[in-house]
Amino acid sequence: MEGTNEMSVEYPFFSFAAPPRTGCDHFIEACRIAGLGKTDRIDAIRHFPRNNDGKHLRVSLVRHPCQWLGSVYAALNDFGTESSPNMHGIGTAFIVLDKSTFDDFVRSYLQMSPTGVSCLFDQYKADTRLRSEDMPWCLLELFETFEVPKVLLGLVETYWRSKVFDVVPEWTPHLYQQVLDAEWEFCEAYDYY
């Protein structure tokens, strides 16, 4: 990606970009509530510019690979193809997987792209990555670092707790383990088990 395609979200203290289905929309809204500015979701899923001037911390989100795959499968069934704004940025490697059933989707993933989740997340060359599962606490800690007023932190926490997150399909245990085995480096790096 060159030029305008590489444009992460620029906040006063850090830059933000993350793959879709990680909680980007909630992160952006939390930043707005914290007084850091308003932005568009489409900017958040773009990659960081290649050149970093070193002045801004690059923040991204990660999500458990099985939870992420389940979310993508559910979204593909709800929204259809990548042409839907809700699916923008998923990547064709996931769009083309067999969507007949969730098990077929996972088997197709393991056959065609068994480390595709970690590859997608690695494309976001971040300085720090917050686990979606650790929200809102890790986000509140980040905001505290930048001295966001406590009253706004309270509003962010209240907002985050009011969110309903997607329900992912039920996993067949052996397929769940196969995804963990295929993505073991990613899982080990982020303490996903």
Protein backbone atom coordinates (compact mmCIF):
# COMPACT_ATOMS: atom_id res chain seq x y z
CA MET A 1 0.00 0.00 0.00
CA GLU A 2 1.25 3.40 -0.87
CA GLY A 3 0.20 6.94 -0.15
CA THR A 4 -3.33 7.52 1.10
CA ASN A 5 -4.05 3.80 1.48
CA GLU A 6 -1.65 3.75 4.42
CA MET A 7 -3.23 6.15 6.83
CA SER A 8 -3.74 5.03 10.39
CA VAL A 9 -5.71 7.04 12.92
CA GLU A 10 -3.64 9.82 14.45
CA TYR A 11 -4.50 10.75 18.03
CA PRO A 12 -2.62 13.40 20.03
CA PHE A 13 -0.41 10.84 21.82
CA PHE A 14 -0.42 7.76 19.62
CA SER A 15 -1.39 6.31 16.24
CA PHE A 16 -3.94 3.52 15.97
CA ALA A 17 -4.57 0.81 13.39
CA ALA A 18 -5.91 -2.72 13.79
CA PRO A 19 -7.49 -5.53 11.80
CA PRO A 20 -11.27 -5.65 11.58
CA ARG A 21 -13.23 -7.81 14.05
CA THR A 22 -10.94 -6.84 16.95
CA GLY A 23 -13.07 -4.11 18.51
CA CYS A 24 -11.84 -1.18 16.37
CA ASP A 25 -15.21 0.57 16.46
CA HIS A 26 -15.35 0.37 20.25
CA PHE A 27 -11.73 1.54 20.54
CA ILE A 28 -12.43 4.55 18.33
CA GLU A 29 -15.55 5.47 20.29
CA ALA A 30 -13.65 5.09 23.58
CA CYS A 31 -11.00 7.48 22.25
CA ARG A 32 -13.71 9.98 21.33
CA ILE A 33 -15.23 9.71 24.81
CA ALA A 34 -11.76 10.24 26.30
CA GLY A 35 -11.51 13.50 24.38
CA LEU A 36 -8.84 12.34 21.96
CA GLY A 37 -10.82 13.13 18.82
CA LYS A 38 -13.25 11.61 16.40
CA THR A 39 -12.28 9.47 13.45
CA ASP A 40 -13.67 7.12 10.84
CA ARG A 41 -13.54 3.32 11.18
CA ILE A 42 -12.08 2.95 7.70
CA ASP A 43 -8.91 4.77 8.80
CA ALA A 44 -8.49 2.42 11.76
CA ILE A 45 -8.20 -0.73 9.69
CA ARG A 46 -5.59 0.71 7.36
CA HIS A 47 -1.99 -0.12 8.09
CA PHE A 48 0.44 2.31 9.66
CA PRO A 49 2.53 4.33 7.21
CA ARG A 50 5.81 2.61 6.38
CA ASN A 51 7.86 5.43 7.82
CA ASN A 52 7.46 6.18 11.51
CA ASP A 53 8.95 9.44 12.68
CA GLY A 54 9.31 7.92 16.15
CA LYS A 55 7.17 10.64 17.70
CA HIS A 56 4.01 8.56 18.03
CA LEU A 57 3.49 5.24 19.71
CA ARG A 58 1.83 2.82 17.28
CA VAL A 59 -1.03 1.00 19.00
CA SER A 60 -2.93 -1.96 17.59
CA LEU A 61 -5.32 -4.66 18.80
CA VAL A 62 -5.02 -8.43 18.73
CA ARG A 63 -7.65 -11.08 19.40
CA HIS A 64 -7.51 -14.80 20.16
CA PRO A 65 -7.20 -16.53 16.77
CA CYS A 66 -10.16 -18.86 17.40
CA GLN A 67 -12.37 -16.03 18.58
CA TRP A 68 -11.29 -13.92 15.62
CA LEU A 69 -12.02 -16.71 13.12
CA GLY A 70 -15.42 -17.31 14.71
CA SER A 71 -16.20 -13.61 14.48
CA VAL A 72 -15.15 -13.48 10.83
CA TYR A 73 -17.29 -16.50 10.00
CA ALA A 74 -20.31 -14.96 11.74
CA ALA A 75 -19.73 -11.63 9.98
CA LEU A 76 -19.35 -13.26 6.57
CA ASN A 77 -22.69 -14.98 7.09
CA ASP A 78 -24.30 -11.74 8.31
CA PHE A 79 -22.78 -9.26 5.87
CA GLY A 80 -21.68 -11.32 2.88
CA THR A 81 -18.61 -10.40 0.91
CA GLU A 82 -15.75 -7.97 1.40
CA SER A 83 -17.73 -5.39 -0.56
CA SER A 84 -19.78 -4.79 2.59
CA PRO A 85 -18.35 -1.92 4.67
CA ASN A 86 -18.53 -4.23 7.71
CA MET A 87 -16.18 -6.69 6.02
CA HIS A 88 -13.66 -4.22 4.60
CA GLY A 89 -10.11 -5.25 5.41
CA ILE A 90 -10.78 -8.93 6.19
CA GLY A 91 -8.73 -10.01 3.20
CA THR A 92 -9.50 -12.37 0.38
CA ALA A 93 -7.69 -15.26 2.11
CA PHE A 94 -10.62 -15.40 4.53
CA ILE A 95 -13.40 -14.37 2.13
CA VAL A 96 -12.76 -17.38 -0.15
CA LEU A 97 -12.92 -20.01 2.61
CA ASP A 98 -15.73 -22.56 2.55
CA LYS A 99 -18.63 -21.07 4.52
CA SER A 100 -21.02 -24.06 4.32
CA THR A 101 -20.66 -24.67 8.07
CA PHE A 102 -18.36 -23.30 10.71
CA ASP A 103 -16.42 -26.58 10.84
CA ASP A 104 -15.99 -26.43 7.04
CA PHE A 105 -14.79 -22.84 7.36
CA VAL A 106 -12.16 -23.84 9.95
CA ARG A 107 -11.06 -26.90 7.96
CA SER A 108 -10.73 -24.73 4.86
CA TYR A 109 -8.69 -22.20 6.86
CA LEU A 110 -6.37 -24.93 8.18
CA GLN A 111 -5.90 -26.31 4.68
CA MET A 112 -5.44 -23.05 2.79
CA SER A 113 -3.89 -20.62 5.28
CA PRO A 114 -3.07 -22.22 8.65
CA THR A 115 -1.17 -19.17 9.92
CA GLY A 116 -3.33 -16.57 8.22
CA VAL A 117 -4.54 -14.97 11.45
CA SER A 118 -1.05 -14.25 12.74
CA CYS A 119 0.03 -13.06 9.27
CA LEU A 120 -2.88 -10.61 9.17
CA PHE A 121 -2.12 -9.26 12.64
CA ASP A 122 1.61 -9.06 11.88
CA GLN A 123 0.91 -6.75 8.93
CA TYR A 124 0.11 -4.07 11.51
CA LYS A 125 3.61 -3.12 12.57
CA ALA A 126 2.69 -1.78 16.00
CA ASP A 127 4.89 -0.77 18.91
CA THR A 128 2.32 -2.15 21.32
CA ARG A 129 -0.66 -4.43 20.87
CA LEU A 130 -3.57 -4.52 23.25
CA ARG A 131 -5.47 -7.77 23.62
CA SER A 132 -9.17 -7.31 22.89
CA GLU A 133 -9.87 -9.72 25.73
CA ASP A 134 -8.15 -7.35 28.19
CA MET A 135 -10.44 -4.42 27.45
CA PRO A 136 -11.26 -2.01 28.95
CA TRP A 137 -8.42 -2.32 31.49
CA CYS A 138 -5.48 -2.16 29.09
CA LEU A 139 -7.09 0.77 27.27
CA LEU A 140 -7.68 2.62 30.53
CA GLU A 141 -4.03 2.06 31.48
CA LEU A 142 -2.96 3.46 28.11
CA PHE A 143 -5.17 6.52 28.63
CA GLU A 144 -3.81 6.99 32.17
CA THR A 145 -0.30 7.06 30.69
CA PHE A 146 -1.37 10.07 28.65
CA GLU A 147 -3.06 11.68 31.66
CA VAL A 148 -6.62 11.47 30.38
CA PRO A 149 -8.78 12.92 33.21
CA LYS A 150 -10.27 10.34 35.59
CA VAL A 151 -13.82 11.48 34.90
CA LEU A 152 -13.33 10.62 31.23
CA LEU A 153 -11.75 7.27 32.15
CA GLY A 154 -14.90 6.49 34.09
CA LEU A 155 -17.03 7.32 31.06
CA VAL A 156 -14.85 5.08 28.87
CA GLU A 157 -15.19 2.19 31.32
CA THR A 158 -18.98 2.64 31.50
CA TYR A 159 -19.20 2.79 27.71
CA TRP A 160 -17.10 -0.34 27.23
CA ARG A 161 -19.12 -2.35 29.72
CA SER A 162 -22.32 -1.46 27.85
CA LYS A 163 -21.10 -3.02 24.60
CA VAL A 164 -22.39 -6.32 23.34
CA PHE A 165 -19.75 -8.28 21.49
CA ASP A 166 -20.40 -10.74 18.71
CA VAL A 167 -21.33 -14.29 19.53
CA VAL A 168 -19.02 -16.71 17.82
CA PRO A 169 -20.04 -20.20 16.71
CA GLU A 170 -19.37 -23.17 18.95
CA TRP A 171 -16.04 -24.86 18.29
CA THR A 172 -15.40 -28.53 17.71
CA PRO A 173 -12.62 -29.25 20.26
CA HIS A 174 -10.18 -30.92 17.86
CA LEU A 175 -10.49 -28.08 15.31
CA TYR A 176 -9.98 -25.51 18.05
CA GLN A 177 -6.78 -27.31 19.06
CA GLN A 178 -5.61 -27.54 15.45
CA VAL A 179 -5.95 -23.76 15.05
CA LEU A 180 -4.03 -23.23 18.31
CA ASP A 181 -1.32 -25.61 17.07
CA ALA A 182 -1.09 -23.85 13.69
CA GLU A 183 -0.97 -20.43 15.35
CA TRP A 184 1.23 -21.51 18.26
CA GLU A 185 3.82 -18.72 17.89
CA PHE A 186 1.10 -16.06 17.90
CA CYS A 187 -0.69 -17.76 20.80
CA GLU A 188 2.52 -18.00 22.81
CA ALA A 189 3.42 -14.36 22.16
CA TYR A 190 0.05 -13.15 23.48
CA ASP A 191 -0.69 -15.81 26.11
CA TYR A 192 -3.60 -17.34 24.24
CA TYR A 193 -4.45 -20.90 25.18
